[in-house]
Amino acid sequence: MTQYDERVEYQRDLLAAEEWAKTIKSVHAHSLNSMWYDTRPQDTEDGKTVMDTQYFSGLIKRETHDGHTLYFGEELKGEELVYEFRRNV
């Protein structure tokens, strides 16, 4: 039975990592156009503000001053997600 221990542990970590990935890592309300992930500087020109919510999955959700929602980054999945989960938890 011990030949499956590694698979069981990986599956357990994958399920936990998928829940962890949905949680918020940080929230940043700002009017900066120099964020490392920002490909839309027009969202903050002329003093307009945005709120960026970063998740442990790697996604960043931006809510603009006029109510639009945009996403930046790539969502981690599978082995990459489990690696980050194990590294950070």
PDB file of N, CA and C in Angstrom:
ATOM      1  N   MET A   1       0.799  -1.205   0.000  1.00  0.00           N
ATOM      2  CA  MET A   1       0.000   0.000   0.000  1.00  0.00           C
ATOM      3  C   MET A   1       0.844   1.272   0.000  1.00  0.00           C
ATOM      4  N   THR A   2       2.054   1.208   0.474  1.00  0.00           N
ATOM      5  CA  THR A   2       2.869   2.421   0.556  1.00  0.00           C
ATOM      6  C   THR A   2       3.279   2.940  -0.817  1.00  0.00           C
ATOM      7  N   GLN A   3       3.110   2.145  -1.878  1.00  0.00           N
ATOM      8  CA  GLN A   3       3.484   2.611  -3.210  1.00  0.00           C
ATOM      9  C   GLN A   3       2.583   3.754  -3.681  1.00  0.00           C
ATOM     10  N   TYR A   4       1.419   3.944  -3.038  1.00  0.00           N
ATOM     11  CA  TYR A   4       0.490   4.995  -3.438  1.00  0.00           C
ATOM     12  C   TYR A   4       0.550   6.227  -2.531  1.00  0.00           C
ATOM     13  N   ASP A   5       1.376   6.197  -1.507  1.00  0.00           N
ATOM     14  CA  ASP A   5       1.444   7.308  -0.561  1.00  0.00           C
ATOM     15  C   ASP A   5       1.746   8.634  -1.244  1.00  0.00           C
ATOM     16  N   GLU A   6       2.680   8.631  -2.162  1.00  0.00           N
ATOM     17  CA  GLU A   6       3.056   9.869  -2.851  1.00  0.00           C
ATOM     18  C   GLU A   6       1.899  10.402  -3.692  1.00  0.00           C
ATOM     19  N   ARG A   7       1.184   9.529  -4.375  1.00  0.00           N
ATOM     20  CA  ARG A   7       0.031   9.951  -5.187  1.00  0.00           C
ATOM     21  C   ARG A   7      -1.076  10.519  -4.308  1.00  0.00           C
ATOM     22  N   VAL A   8      -1.327   9.857  -3.197  1.00  0.00           N
ATOM     23  CA  VAL A   8      -2.372  10.317  -2.276  1.00  0.00           C
ATOM     24  C   VAL A   8      -1.996  11.682  -1.705  1.00  0.00           C
ATOM     25  N   GLU A   9      -0.747  11.853  -1.310  1.00  0.00           N
ATOM     26  CA  GLU A   9      -0.292  13.140  -0.777  1.00  0.00           C
ATOM     27  C   GLU A   9      -0.401  14.242  -1.832  1.00  0.00           C
ATOM     28  N   TYR A  10      -0.032  13.927  -3.065  1.00  0.00           N
ATOM     29  CA  TYR A  10      -0.134  14.916  -4.144  1.00  0.00           C
ATOM     30  C   TYR A  10      -1.594  15.319  -4.346  1.00  0.00           C
ATOM     31  N   GLN A  11      -2.495  14.341  -4.394  1.00  0.00           N
ATOM     32  CA  GLN A  11      -3.913  14.647  -4.603  1.00  0.00           C
ATOM     33  C   GLN A  11      -4.459  15.481  -3.450  1.00  0.00           C
ATOM     34  N   ARG A  12      -4.069  15.166  -2.232  1.00  0.00           N
ATOM     35  CA  ARG A  12      -4.489  15.931  -1.064  1.00  0.00           C
ATOM     36  C   ARG A  12      -3.996  17.375  -1.184  1.00  0.00           C
ATOM     37  N   ASP A  13      -2.747  17.536  -1.564  1.00  0.00           N
ATOM     38  CA  ASP A  13      -2.180  18.880  -1.732  1.00  0.00           C
ATOM     39  C   ASP A  13      -2.842  19.622  -2.889  1.00  0.00           C
ATOM     40  N   LEU A  14      -3.166  18.920  -3.963  1.00  0.00           N
ATOM     41  CA  LEU A  14      -3.821  19.559  -5.107  1.00  0.00           C
ATOM     42  C   LEU A  14      -5.181  20.111  -4.697  1.00  0.00           C
ATOM     43  N   LEU A  15      -5.963  19.339  -3.987  1.00  0.00           N
ATOM     44  CA  LEU A  15      -7.275  19.807  -3.535  1.00  0.00           C
ATOM     45  C   LEU A  15      -7.142  21.004  -2.603  1.00  0.00           C
ATOM     46  N   ALA A  16      -6.194  20.953  -1.688  1.00  0.00           N
ATOM     47  CA  ALA A  16      -5.962  22.078  -0.780  1.00  0.00           C
ATOM     48  C   ALA A  16      -5.467  23.300  -1.546  1.00  0.00           C
ATOM     49  N   ALA A  17      -4.596  23.087  -2.520  1.00  0.00           N
ATOM     50  CA  ALA A  17      -4.040  24.192  -3.311  1.00  0.00           C
ATOM     51  C   ALA A  17      -5.115  24.871  -4.154  1.00  0.00           C
ATOM     52  N   GLU A  18      -6.065  24.104  -4.662  1.00  0.00           N
ATOM     53  CA  GLU A  18      -7.144  24.698  -5.452  1.00  0.00           C
ATOM     54  C   GLU A  18      -8.006  25.620  -4.601  1.00  0.00           C
ATOM     55  N   GLU A  19      -8.225  25.275  -3.348  1.00  0.00           N
ATOM     56  CA  GLU A  19      -8.953  26.165  -2.434  1.00  0.00           C
ATOM     57  C   GLU A  19      -8.099  27.372  -2.071  1.00  0.00           C
ATOM     58  N   TRP A  20      -6.826  27.148  -1.778  1.00  0.00           N
ATOM     59  CA  TRP A  20      -5.881  28.209  -1.431  1.00  0.00           C
ATOM     60  C   TRP A  20      -5.770  29.231  -2.556  1.00  0.00           C
ATOM     61  N   ALA A  21      -5.796  28.760  -3.797  1.00  0.00           N
ATOM     62  CA  ALA A  21      -5.639  29.631  -4.961  1.00  0.00           C
ATOM     63  C   ALA A  21      -6.754  30.660  -5.082  1.00  0.00           C
ATOM     64  N   LYS A  22      -7.910  30.372  -4.510  1.00  0.00           N
ATOM     65  CA  LYS A  22      -9.060  31.277  -4.586  1.00  0.00           C
ATOM     66  C   LYS A  22      -8.993  32.398  -3.560  1.00  0.00           C
ATOM     67  N   THR A  23      -8.080  32.297  -2.609  1.00  0.00           N
ATOM     68  CA  THR A  23      -8.015  33.297  -1.552  1.00  0.00           C
ATOM     69  C   THR A  23      -7.193  34.511  -1.985  1.00  0.00           C
ATOM     70  N   ILE A  24      -7.488  35.622  -1.355  1.00  0.00           N
ATOM     71  CA  ILE A  24      -6.862  36.895  -1.710  1.00  0.00           C
ATOM     72  C   ILE A  24      -5.483  37.003  -1.079  1.00  0.00           C
ATOM     73  N   LYS A  25      -4.517  37.366  -1.907  1.00  0.00           N
ATOM     74  CA  LYS A  25      -3.147  37.595  -1.447  1.00  0.00           C
ATOM     75  C   LYS A  25      -2.960  39.065  -1.051  1.00  0.00           C
ATOM     76  N   SER A  26      -3.518  39.974  -1.857  1.00  0.00           N
ATOM     77  CA  SER A  26      -3.408  41.397  -1.533  1.00  0.00           C
ATOM     78  C   SER A  26      -4.479  42.191  -2.288  1.00  0.00           C
ATOM     79  N   VAL A  27      -4.774  43.377  -1.753  1.00  0.00           N
ATOM     80  CA  VAL A  27      -5.691  44.319  -2.395  1.00  0.00           C
ATOM     81  C   VAL A  27      -4.970  45.654  -2.442  1.00  0.00           C
ATOM     82  N   HIS A  28      -5.032  46.308  -3.606  1.00  0.00           N
ATOM     83  CA  HIS A  28      -4.307  47.563  -3.780  1.00  0.00           C
ATOM     84  C   HIS A  28      -5.194  48.535  -4.555  1.00  0.00           C
ATOM     85  N   ALA A  29      -5.663  49.572  -3.893  1.00  0.00           N
ATOM     86  CA  ALA A  29      -6.407  50.643  -4.554  1.00  0.00           C
ATOM     87  C   ALA A  29      -5.405  51.746  -4.879  1.00  0.00           C
ATOM     88  N   HIS A  30      -5.365  52.157  -6.145  1.00  0.00           N
ATOM     89  CA  HIS A  30      -4.327  53.096  -6.551  1.00  0.00           C
ATOM     90  C   HIS A  30      -4.670  53.817  -7.853  1.00  0.00           C
ATOM     91  N   SER A  31      -3.805  54.766  -8.196  1.00  0.00           N
ATOM     92  CA  SER A  31      -3.905  55.465  -9.479  1.00  0.00           C
ATOM     93  C   SER A  31      -2.543  55.453 -10.181  1.00  0.00           C
ATOM     94  N   LEU A  32      -1.750  54.433  -9.920  1.00  0.00           N
ATOM     95  CA  LEU A  32      -0.421  54.298 -10.520  1.00  0.00           C
ATOM     96  C   LEU A  32      -0.511  53.618 -11.889  1.00  0.00           C
ATOM     97  N   ASN A  33       0.378  53.988 -12.783  1.00  0.00           N
ATOM     98  CA  ASN A  33       0.416  53.315 -14.080  1.00  0.00           C
ATOM     99  C   ASN A  33       1.723  52.544 -14.261  1.00  0.00           C
ATOM    100  N   SER A  34       2.369  52.228 -13.157  1.00  0.00           N
ATOM    101  CA  SER A  34       3.679  51.583 -13.234  1.00  0.00           C
ATOM    102  C   SER A  34       3.728  50.229 -12.533  1.00  0.00           C
ATOM    103  N   MET A  35       2.588  49.587 -12.370  1.00  0.00           N
ATOM    104  CA  MET A  35       2.580  48.278 -11.731  1.00  0.00           C
ATOM    105  C   MET A  35       3.243  47.267 -12.660  1.00  0.00           C
ATOM    106  N   TRP A  36       3.940  46.286 -12.106  1.00  0.00           N
ATOM    107  CA  TRP A  36       4.718  45.338 -12.899  1.00  0.00           C
ATOM    108  C   TRP A  36       3.857  44.540 -13.872  1.00  0.00           C
ATOM    109  N   TYR A  37       2.603  44.346 -13.590  1.00  0.00           N
ATOM    110  CA  TYR A  37       1.717  43.531 -14.418  1.00  0.00           C
ATOM    111  C   TYR A  37       0.835  44.363 -15.339  1.00  0.00           C
ATOM    112  N   ASP A  38       0.860  45.670 -15.172  1.00  0.00           N
ATOM    113  CA  ASP A  38      -0.094  46.551 -15.837  1.00  0.00           C
ATOM    114  C   ASP A  38       0.193  46.705 -17.325  1.00  0.00           C
ATOM    115  N   THR A  39      -0.750  46.263 -18.130  1.00  0.00           N
ATOM    116  CA  THR A  39      -0.650  46.439 -19.581  1.00  0.00           C
ATOM    117  C   THR A  39      -1.687  47.450 -20.064  1.00  0.00           C
ATOM    118  N   ARG A  40      -2.356  48.100 -19.115  1.00  0.00           N
ATOM    119  CA  ARG A  40      -3.402  49.067 -19.444  1.00  0.00           C
ATOM    120  C   ARG A  40      -3.209  50.359 -18.652  1.00  0.00           C
ATOM    121  N   PRO A  41      -2.176  51.128 -18.971  1.00  0.00           N
ATOM    122  CA  PRO A  41      -1.949  52.378 -18.229  1.00  0.00           C
ATOM    123  C   PRO A  41      -3.085  53.386 -18.398  1.00  0.00           C
ATOM    124  N   GLN A  42      -3.893  53.236 -19.428  1.00  0.00           N
ATOM    125  CA  GLN A  42      -5.007  54.160 -19.641  1.00  0.00           C
ATOM    126  C   GLN A  42      -6.059  54.064 -18.534  1.00  0.00           C
ATOM    127  N   ASP A  43      -6.076  52.958 -17.797  1.00  0.00           N
ATOM    128  CA  ASP A  43      -7.038  52.818 -16.698  1.00  0.00           C
ATOM    129  C   ASP A  43      -6.779  53.807 -15.572  1.00  0.00           C
ATOM    130  N   THR A  44      -5.540  54.270 -15.438  1.00  0.00           N
ATOM    131  CA  THR A  44      -5.187  55.166 -14.329  1.00  0.00           C
ATOM    132  C   THR A  44      -4.716  56.539 -14.786  1.00  0.00           C
ATOM    133  N   GLU A  45      -4.857  56.850 -16.064  1.00  0.00           N
ATOM    134  CA  GLU A  45      -4.409  58.178 -16.518  1.00  0.00           C
ATOM    135  C   GLU A  45      -5.372  59.250 -16.020  1.00  0.00           C
ATOM    136  N   ASP A  46      -4.869  60.446 -15.895  1.00  0.00           N
ATOM    137  CA  ASP A  46      -5.634  61.613 -15.424  1.00  0.00           C
ATOM    138  C   ASP A  46      -6.191  61.419 -14.017  1.00  0.00           C
ATOM    139  N   GLY A  47      -5.466  60.659 -13.171  1.00  0.00           N
ATOM    140  CA  GLY A  47      -5.861  60.501 -11.779  1.00  0.00           C
ATOM    141  C   GLY A  47      -6.985  59.515 -11.522  1.00  0.00           C
ATOM    142  N   LYS A  48      -7.403  58.750 -12.534  1.00  0.00           N
ATOM    143  CA  LYS A  48      -8.449  57.744 -12.320  1.00  0.00           C
ATOM    144  C   LYS A  48      -7.910  56.646 -11.413  1.00  0.00           C
ATOM    145  N   THR A  49      -8.770  56.089 -10.586  1.00  0.00           N
ATOM    146  CA  THR A  49      -8.345  55.058  -9.650  1.00  0.00           C
ATOM    147  C   THR A  49      -8.871  53.683 -10.045  1.00  0.00           C
ATOM    148  N   VAL A  50      -8.144  52.656  -9.608  1.00  0.00           N
ATOM    149  CA  VAL A  50      -8.527  51.264  -9.816  1.00  0.00           C
ATOM    150  C   VAL A  50      -8.293  50.506  -8.513  1.00  0.00           C
ATOM    151  N   MET A  51      -8.906  49.343  -8.425  1.00  0.00           N
ATOM    152  CA  MET A  51      -8.630  48.457  -7.300  1.00  0.00           C
ATOM    153  C   MET A  51      -8.191  47.114  -7.867  1.00  0.00           C
ATOM    154  N   ASP A  52      -6.957  46.717  -7.535  1.00  0.00           N
ATOM    155  CA  ASP A  52      -6.387  45.459  -7.999  1.00  0.00           C
ATOM    156  C   ASP A  52      -6.384  44.455  -6.848  1.00  0.00           C
ATOM    157  N   THR A  53      -6.978  43.295  -7.085  1.00  0.00           N
ATOM    158  CA  THR A  53      -7.018  42.216  -6.104  1.00  0.00           C
ATOM    159  C   THR A  53      -6.182  41.068  -6.637  1.00  0.00           C
ATOM    160  N   GLN A  54      -5.139  40.714  -5.917  1.00  0.00           N
ATOM    161  CA  GLN A  54      -4.241  39.634  -6.336  1.00  0.00           C
ATOM    162  C   GLN A  54      -4.611  38.367  -5.573  1.00  0.00           C
ATOM    163  N   TYR A  55      -4.725  37.255  -6.300  1.00  0.00           N
ATOM    164  CA  TYR A  55      -5.059  35.963  -5.707  1.00  0.00           C
ATOM    165  C   TYR A  55      -3.831  35.067  -5.716  1.00  0.00           C
ATOM    166  N   PHE A  56      -3.813  34.079  -4.831  1.00  0.00           N
ATOM    167  CA  PHE A  56      -2.696  33.142  -4.775  1.00  0.00           C
ATOM    168  C   PHE A  56      -2.584  32.313  -6.051  1.00  0.00           C
ATOM    169  N   SER A  57      -3.627  32.258  -6.853  1.00  0.00           N
ATOM    170  CA  SER A  57      -3.596  31.510  -8.115  1.00  0.00           C
ATOM    171  C   SER A  57      -2.697  32.170  -9.152  1.00  0.00           C
ATOM    172  N   GLY A  58      -2.344  33.430  -8.921  1.00  0.00           N
ATOM    173  CA  GLY A  58      -1.545  34.165  -9.895  1.00  0.00           C
ATOM    174  C   GLY A  58      -2.346  35.199 -10.657  1.00  0.00           C
ATOM    175  N   LEU A  59      -3.670  35.140 -10.572  1.00  0.00           N
ATOM    176  CA  LEU A  59      -4.514  36.109 -11.254  1.00  0.00           C
ATOM    177  C   LEU A  59      -4.601  37.411 -10.475  1.00  0.00           C
ATOM    178  N   ILE A  60      -4.744  38.506 -11.224  1.00  0.00           N
ATOM    179  CA  ILE A  60      -4.977  39.813 -10.632  1.00  0.00           C
ATOM    180  C   ILE A  60      -6.237  40.372 -11.268  1.00  0.00           C
ATOM    181  N   LYS A  61      -7.210  40.665 -10.424  1.00  0.00           N
ATOM    182  CA  LYS A  61      -8.498  41.193 -10.880  1.00  0.00           C
ATOM    183  C   LYS A  61      -8.491  42.697 -10.686  1.00  0.00           C
ATOM    184  N   ARG A  62      -8.736  43.438 -11.757  1.00  0.00           N
ATOM    185  CA  ARG A  62      -8.786  44.900 -11.682  1.00  0.00           C
ATOM    186  C   ARG A  62     -10.213  45.377 -11.857  1.00  0.00           C
ATOM    187  N   GLU A  63     -10.639  46.227 -10.936  1.00  0.00           N
ATOM    188  CA  GLU A  63     -11.929  46.887 -11.053  1.00  0.00           C
ATOM    189  C   GLU A  63     -11.653  48.362 -11.314  1.00  0.00           C
ATOM    190  N   THR A  64     -12.146  48.871 -12.431  1.00  0.00           N
ATOM    191  CA  THR A  64     -11.879  50.247 -12.828  1.00  0.00           C
ATOM    192  C   THR A  64     -12.899  51.200 -12.217  1.00  0.00           C
ATOM    193  N   HIS A  65     -12.599  52.492 -12.338  1.00  0.00           N
ATOM    194  CA  HIS A  65     -13.464  53.534 -11.784  1.00  0.00           C
ATOM    195  C   HIS A  65     -14.863  53.519 -12.397  1.00  0.00           C
ATOM    196  N   ASP A  66     -14.991  53.022 -13.629  1.00  0.00           N
ATOM    197  CA  ASP A  66     -16.294  53.012 -14.300  1.00  0.00           C
ATOM    198  C   ASP A  66     -16.989  51.647 -14.247  1.00  0.00           C
ATOM    199  N   GLY A  67     -16.501  50.759 -13.370  1.00  0.00           N
ATOM    200  CA  GLY A  67     -17.185  49.497 -13.138  1.00  0.00           C
ATOM    201  C   GLY A  67     -16.765  48.304 -13.976  1.00  0.00           C
ATOM    202  N   HIS A  68     -15.768  48.454 -14.832  1.00  0.00           N
ATOM    203  CA  HIS A  68     -15.299  47.330 -15.636  1.00  0.00           C
ATOM    204  C   HIS A  68     -14.391  46.421 -14.806  1.00  0.00           C
ATOM    205  N   THR A  69     -14.376  45.140 -15.153  1.00  0.00           N
ATOM    206  CA  THR A  69     -13.511  44.166 -14.490  1.00  0.00           C
ATOM    207  C   THR A  69     -12.579  43.557 -15.517  1.00  0.00           C
ATOM    208  N   LEU A  70     -11.281  43.566 -15.211  1.00  0.00           N
ATOM    209  CA  LEU A  70     -10.253  43.021 -16.099  1.00  0.00           C
ATOM    210  C   LEU A  70      -9.377  42.071 -15.306  1.00  0.00           C
ATOM    211  N   TYR A  71      -8.708  41.153 -16.007  1.00  0.00           N
ATOM    212  CA  TYR A  71      -7.814  40.207 -15.351  1.00  0.00           C
ATOM    213  C   TYR A  71      -6.428  40.267 -15.975  1.00  0.00           C
ATOM    214  N   PHE A  72      -5.410  40.156 -15.116  1.00  0.00           N
ATOM    215  CA  PHE A  72      -4.009  40.102 -15.539  1.00  0.00           C
ATOM    216  C   PHE A  72      -3.402  38.806 -15.018  1.00  0.00           C
ATOM    217  N   GLY A  73      -2.308  38.402 -15.629  1.00  0.00           N
ATOM    218  CA  GLY A  73      -1.570  37.238 -15.158  1.00  0.00           C
ATOM    219  C   GLY A  73      -2.100  35.932 -15.707  1.00  0.00           C
ATOM    220  N   GLU A  74      -1.413  34.863 -15.328  1.00  0.00           N
ATOM    221  CA  GLU A  74      -1.809  33.519 -15.726  1.00  0.00           C
ATOM    222  C   GLU A  74      -2.134  32.713 -14.482  1.00  0.00           C
ATOM    223  N   GLU A  75      -3.226  31.989 -14.542  1.00  0.00           N
ATOM    224  CA  GLU A  75      -3.658  31.181 -13.403  1.00  0.00           C
ATOM    225  C   GLU A  75      -2.834  29.899 -13.327  1.00  0.00           C
ATOM    226  N   LEU A  76      -2.251  29.662 -12.167  1.00  0.00           N
ATOM    227  CA  LEU A  76      -1.483  28.434 -11.952  1.00  0.00           C
ATOM    228  C   LEU A  76      -2.433  27.250 -11.843  1.00  0.00           C
ATOM    229  N   LYS A  77      -2.024  26.119 -12.405  1.00  0.00           N
ATOM    230  CA  LYS A  77      -2.828  24.897 -12.345  1.00  0.00           C
ATOM    231  C   LYS A  77      -1.912  23.696 -12.210  1.00  0.00           C
ATOM    232  N   GLY A  78      -2.468  22.597 -11.739  1.00  0.00           N
ATOM    233  CA  GLY A  78      -1.752  21.332 -11.683  1.00  0.00           C
ATOM    234  C   GLY A  78      -0.492  21.379 -10.847  1.00  0.00           C
ATOM    235  N   GLU A  79       0.587  20.849 -11.410  1.00  0.00           N
ATOM    236  CA  GLU A  79       1.856  20.742 -10.684  1.00  0.00           C
ATOM    237  C   GLU A  79       2.412  22.097 -10.266  1.00  0.00           C
ATOM    238  N   GLU A  80       2.266  23.108 -11.134  1.00  0.00           N
ATOM    239  CA  GLU A  80       2.768  24.445 -10.786  1.00  0.00           C
ATOM    240  C   GLU A  80       2.037  25.002  -9.566  1.00  0.00           C
ATOM    241  N   LEU A  81       0.732  24.783  -9.508  1.00  0.00           N
ATOM    242  CA  LEU A  81      -0.055  25.248  -8.375  1.00  0.00           C
ATOM    243  C   LEU A  81       0.347  24.518  -7.101  1.00  0.00           C
ATOM    244  N   VAL A  82       0.498  23.209  -7.179  1.00  0.00           N
ATOM    245  CA  VAL A  82       0.899  22.428  -6.004  1.00  0.00           C
ATOM    246  C   VAL A  82       2.289  22.863  -5.531  1.00  0.00           C
ATOM    247  N   TYR A  83       3.193  23.128  -6.457  1.00  0.00           N
ATOM    248  CA  TYR A  83       4.539  23.581  -6.084  1.00  0.00           C
ATOM    249  C   TYR A  83       4.464  24.891  -5.302  1.00  0.00           C
ATOM    250  N   GLU A  84       3.710  25.871  -5.812  1.00  0.00           N
ATOM    251  CA  GLU A  84       3.578  27.160  -5.124  1.00  0.00           C
ATOM    252  C   GLU A  84       2.890  26.995  -3.770  1.00  0.00           C
ATOM    253  N   PHE A  85       1.894  26.135  -3.715  1.00  0.00           N
ATOM    254  CA  PHE A  85       1.188  25.884  -2.464  1.00  0.00           C
ATOM    255  C   PHE A  85       2.147  25.317  -1.421  1.00  0.00           C
ATOM    256  N   ARG A  86       2.894  24.312  -1.803  1.00  0.00           N
ATOM    257  CA  ARG A  86       3.847  23.692  -0.863  1.00  0.00           C
ATOM    258  C   ARG A  86       4.936  24.684  -0.446  1.00  0.00           C
ATOM    259  N   ARG A  87       5.322  25.551  -1.340  1.00  0.00           N
ATOM    260  CA  ARG A  87       6.365  26.532  -1.066  1.00  0.00           C
ATOM    261  C   ARG A  87       5.899  27.618  -0.106  1.00  0.00           C
ATOM    262  N   ASN A  88       4.609  27.946  -0.155  1.00  0.00           N
ATOM    263  CA  ASN A  88       4.089  29.082   0.607  1.00  0.00           C
ATOM    264  C   ASN A  88       3.292  28.738   1.841  1.00  0.00           C
ATOM    265  N   VAL A  89       2.912  27.510   1.988  1.00  0.00           N
ATOM    266  CA  VAL A  89       2.067  27.153   3.144  1.00  0.00           C
ATOM    267  C   VAL A  89       2.882  26.377   4.156  1.00  0.00           C
TER     268      VAL A  89
END
